[in-house]
Amino acid sequence: MGAEYMLNCHWTLRGEALYTWLEEDTTDITDSGPGYASEHYRFTFSDDLWSFRIGVNYKFGGFFGH
């Protein structure tokens, strides 16, 4: 999702937002050291990420190639 705004015939200002959803993931780990009872661990990861970008552009030439 983004937008660009023309400030005058050469300069524009733009911004965009990007959303990334990373699917839930589960990992099982078993620890069995010598002489110790076996232990079981379960980890669940669920992440999402928002990225934002802004920019300033200069357009060479004028409107309609003038």
C-alpha atoms as a PDB file:
ATOM      1  CA  MET A   1       0.000   0.000   0.000  1.00  0.00           C
ATOM      2  CA  GLY A   2       1.483   3.367  -0.928  1.00  0.00           C
ATOM      3  CA  ALA A   3       0.921   6.879  -2.167  1.00  0.00           C
ATOM      4  CA  GLU A   4       2.845   9.471  -4.128  1.00  0.00           C
ATOM      5  CA  TYR A   5       2.171  13.215  -4.054  1.00  0.00           C
ATOM      6  CA  MET A   6       3.477  15.616  -6.696  1.00  0.00           C
ATOM      7  CA  LEU A   7       4.866  18.751  -4.998  1.00  0.00           C
ATOM      8  CA  ASN A   8       5.512  20.569  -8.317  1.00  0.00           C
ATOM      9  CA  CYS A   9       6.360  19.558 -11.900  1.00  0.00           C
ATOM     10  CA  HIS A  10       9.696  17.961 -10.852  1.00  0.00           C
ATOM     11  CA  TRP A  11       9.493  16.848  -7.208  1.00  0.00           C
ATOM     12  CA  THR A  12       7.342  14.112  -5.689  1.00  0.00           C
ATOM     13  CA  LEU A  13       7.042  12.754  -2.163  1.00  0.00           C
ATOM     14  CA  ARG A  14       6.118   9.117  -1.651  1.00  0.00           C
ATOM     15  CA  GLY A  15       5.406   6.719   1.175  1.00  0.00           C
ATOM     16  CA  GLU A  16       4.446   3.083   1.453  1.00  0.00           C
ATOM     17  CA  ALA A  17       3.688   0.471   4.090  1.00  0.00           C
ATOM     18  CA  LEU A  18       4.361  -3.251   3.688  1.00  0.00           C
ATOM     19  CA  TYR A  19       2.887  -5.967   5.931  1.00  0.00           C
ATOM     20  CA  THR A  20       4.489  -9.427   6.202  1.00  0.00           C
ATOM     21  CA  TRP A  21       2.805 -12.278   8.066  1.00  0.00           C
ATOM     22  CA  LEU A  22       5.001 -15.263   8.897  1.00  0.00           C
ATOM     23  CA  GLU A  23       3.069 -18.429   9.540  1.00  0.00           C
ATOM     24  CA  GLU A  24       3.090 -19.953  13.027  1.00  0.00           C
ATOM     25  CA  ASP A  25       5.835 -22.526  13.567  1.00  0.00           C
ATOM     26  CA  THR A  26       6.349 -25.026  16.415  1.00  0.00           C
ATOM     27  CA  THR A  27       9.679 -26.627  17.337  1.00  0.00           C
ATOM     28  CA  ASP A  28      10.188 -29.507  19.767  1.00  0.00           C
ATOM     29  CA  ILE A  29      13.503 -30.025  21.586  1.00  0.00           C
ATOM     30  CA  THR A  30      14.399 -32.986  23.822  1.00  0.00           C
ATOM     31  CA  ASP A  31      17.306 -32.630  26.255  1.00  0.00           C
ATOM     32  CA  SER A  32      18.729 -35.881  27.567  1.00  0.00           C
ATOM     33  CA  GLY A  33      22.100 -35.282  29.211  1.00  0.00           C
ATOM     34  CA  PRO A  34      24.046 -38.142  30.808  1.00  0.00           C
ATOM     35  CA  GLY A  35      22.683 -39.005  34.254  1.00  0.00           C
ATOM     36  CA  TYR A  36      19.708 -36.642  33.931  1.00  0.00           C
ATOM     37  CA  ALA A  37      16.064 -37.268  33.209  1.00  0.00           C
ATOM     38  CA  SER A  38      14.962 -36.450  29.683  1.00  0.00           C
ATOM     39  CA  GLU A  39      13.233 -33.063  29.372  1.00  0.00           C
ATOM     40  CA  HIS A  40      10.983 -31.993  26.540  1.00  0.00           C
ATOM     41  CA  TYR A  41      10.570 -28.372  25.412  1.00  0.00           C
ATOM     42  CA  ARG A  42       8.112 -26.961  22.883  1.00  0.00           C
ATOM     43  CA  PHE A  43       8.522 -23.489  21.371  1.00  0.00           C
ATOM     44  CA  THR A  44       5.911 -21.759  19.202  1.00  0.00           C
ATOM     45  CA  PHE A  45       6.785 -18.778  17.036  1.00  0.00           C
ATOM     46  CA  SER A  46       4.267 -16.466  15.400  1.00  0.00           C
ATOM     47  CA  ASP A  47       5.570 -13.271  13.843  1.00  0.00           C
ATOM     48  CA  ASP A  48       4.390 -10.410  11.693  1.00  0.00           C
ATOM     49  CA  LEU A  49       6.262  -7.365  10.461  1.00  0.00           C
ATOM     50  CA  TRP A  50       5.364  -3.854   9.301  1.00  0.00           C
ATOM     51  CA  SER A  51       7.862  -1.987   7.095  1.00  0.00           C
ATOM     52  CA  PHE A  52       7.539   1.695   6.220  1.00  0.00           C
ATOM     53  CA  ARG A  53       9.369   3.551   3.458  1.00  0.00           C
ATOM     54  CA  ILE A  54       9.430   7.207   2.485  1.00  0.00           C
ATOM     55  CA  GLY A  55      11.116   8.828  -0.481  1.00  0.00           C
ATOM     56  CA  VAL A  56      11.637  12.004  -2.453  1.00  0.00           C
ATOM     57  CA  ASN A  57      11.879  11.777  -6.244  1.00  0.00           C
ATOM     58  CA  TYR A  58      13.083  14.207  -8.896  1.00  0.00           C
ATOM     59  CA  LYS A  59      11.540  13.842 -12.355  1.00  0.00           C
ATOM     60  CA  PHE A  60      13.668  15.039 -15.269  1.00  0.00           C
ATOM     61  CA  GLY A  61      11.690  17.042 -17.866  1.00  0.00           C
ATOM     62  CA  GLY A  62       8.247  18.533 -17.292  1.00  0.00           C
ATOM     63  CA  PHE A  63       4.667  17.365 -17.734  1.00  0.00           C
ATOM     64  CA  PHE A  64       4.084  15.377 -20.963  1.00  0.00           C
ATOM     65  CA  GLY A  65       7.824  15.293 -21.797  1.00  0.00           C
ATOM     66  CA  HIS A  66       8.342  19.096 -22.090  1.00  0.00           C
END
